[in-house]
């Protein structure tokens, strides 16, 4: 599941388990499920970070 940290300045979007209760980096318990738009942005950023596929010739 994808979550969003709701601390004042963070709003970091991250993947977590179904029973996630806190943001793993800062430990704050103010998290919520990410919106559809936040999920799309999260997966877009993750996909862009992947190396280009190797082409066999």
C-alpha atoms as a PDB file:
ATOM      1  CA  UNK A   1       0.000   0.000   0.000  1.00  0.00           C
ATOM      2  CA  UNK A   2       1.170   3.546  -0.693  1.00  0.00           C
ATOM      3  CA  UNK A   3       1.080   6.115   2.128  1.00  0.00           C
ATOM      4  CA  UNK A   4       1.756   9.814   2.574  1.00  0.00           C
ATOM      5  CA  UNK A   5       3.404  11.336   5.655  1.00  0.00           C
ATOM      6  CA  UNK A   6       1.261  14.200   6.942  1.00  0.00           C
ATOM      7  CA  UNK A   7       3.829  16.070   8.996  1.00  0.00           C
ATOM      8  CA  UNK A   8       3.919  19.810   8.365  1.00  0.00           C
ATOM      9  CA  UNK A   9       6.772  19.936   5.857  1.00  0.00           C
ATOM     10  CA  UNK A  10       7.295  16.321   4.786  1.00  0.00           C
ATOM     11  CA  UNK A  11       4.392  14.880   2.738  1.00  0.00           C
ATOM     12  CA  UNK A  12       6.751  12.100   1.619  1.00  0.00           C
ATOM     13  CA  UNK A  13       5.014   9.316  -0.319  1.00  0.00           C
ATOM     14  CA  UNK A  14       6.233   5.791   0.456  1.00  0.00           C
ATOM     15  CA  UNK A  15       5.301   2.125   0.134  1.00  0.00           C
ATOM     16  CA  UNK A  16       4.416   0.260   3.303  1.00  0.00           C
ATOM     17  CA  UNK A  17       2.681  -2.839   4.562  1.00  0.00           C
ATOM     18  CA  UNK A  18      -1.049  -3.143   5.081  1.00  0.00           C
ATOM     19  CA  UNK A  19      -0.639  -2.451   8.804  1.00  0.00           C
ATOM     20  CA  UNK A  20       1.774   0.495   8.522  1.00  0.00           C
ATOM     21  CA  UNK A  21       1.368   2.769  11.542  1.00  0.00           C
ATOM     22  CA  UNK A  22       4.271   5.222  11.151  1.00  0.00           C
ATOM     23  CA  UNK A  23       6.599   6.677   8.531  1.00  0.00           C
ATOM     24  CA  UNK A  24       9.768   4.562   8.741  1.00  0.00           C
ATOM     25  CA  UNK A  25      12.197   7.472   8.248  1.00  0.00           C
ATOM     26  CA  UNK A  26      10.993   9.948  10.889  1.00  0.00           C
ATOM     27  CA  UNK A  27       8.814   7.629  12.995  1.00  0.00           C
ATOM     28  CA  UNK A  28       5.857  10.019  12.946  1.00  0.00           C
ATOM     29  CA  UNK A  29       2.475   8.351  13.209  1.00  0.00           C
ATOM     30  CA  UNK A  30       0.703  10.972  11.090  1.00  0.00           C
ATOM     31  CA  UNK A  31       0.352   8.972   7.875  1.00  0.00           C
ATOM     32  CA  UNK A  32      -2.597   8.389   5.579  1.00  0.00           C
ATOM     33  CA  UNK A  33      -3.249   6.337   2.460  1.00  0.00           C
ATOM     34  CA  UNK A  34      -2.000   8.201  -0.615  1.00  0.00           C
ATOM     35  CA  UNK A  35      -4.479   9.697  -3.044  1.00  0.00           C
ATOM     36  CA  UNK A  36      -4.798   8.345  -6.568  1.00  0.00           C
ATOM     37  CA  UNK A  37      -2.687  11.235  -7.876  1.00  0.00           C
ATOM     38  CA  UNK A  38       0.025  10.665  -5.247  1.00  0.00           C
ATOM     39  CA  UNK A  39       0.128   6.949  -6.134  1.00  0.00           C
ATOM     40  CA  UNK A  40       0.473   7.749  -9.838  1.00  0.00           C
ATOM     41  CA  UNK A  41       3.340  10.174  -9.133  1.00  0.00           C
ATOM     42  CA  UNK A  42       5.017   7.608  -6.857  1.00  0.00           C
ATOM     43  CA  UNK A  43       4.949   4.882  -9.525  1.00  0.00           C
ATOM     44  CA  UNK A  44       5.999   7.312 -12.273  1.00  0.00           C
ATOM     45  CA  UNK A  45       9.067   8.355 -10.235  1.00  0.00           C
ATOM     46  CA  UNK A  46       9.932   4.734  -9.452  1.00  0.00           C
ATOM     47  CA  UNK A  47       9.658   3.771 -13.127  1.00  0.00           C
ATOM     48  CA  UNK A  48      11.824   6.697 -14.253  1.00  0.00           C
ATOM     49  CA  UNK A  49      14.532   5.603 -11.793  1.00  0.00           C
ATOM     50  CA  UNK A  50      14.873   2.171 -13.421  1.00  0.00           C
ATOM     51  CA  UNK A  51      17.762   1.686 -15.831  1.00  0.00           C
ATOM     52  CA  UNK A  52      16.802   1.501 -19.533  1.00  0.00           C
ATOM     53  CA  UNK A  53      16.072  -1.985 -20.781  1.00  0.00           C
ATOM     54  CA  UNK A  54      18.991  -3.669 -22.492  1.00  0.00           C
ATOM     55  CA  UNK A  55      18.311  -4.287 -26.132  1.00  0.00           C
ATOM     56  CA  UNK A  56      19.488  -7.553 -27.587  1.00  0.00           C
ATOM     57  CA  UNK A  57      20.633  -7.319 -31.143  1.00  0.00           C
END
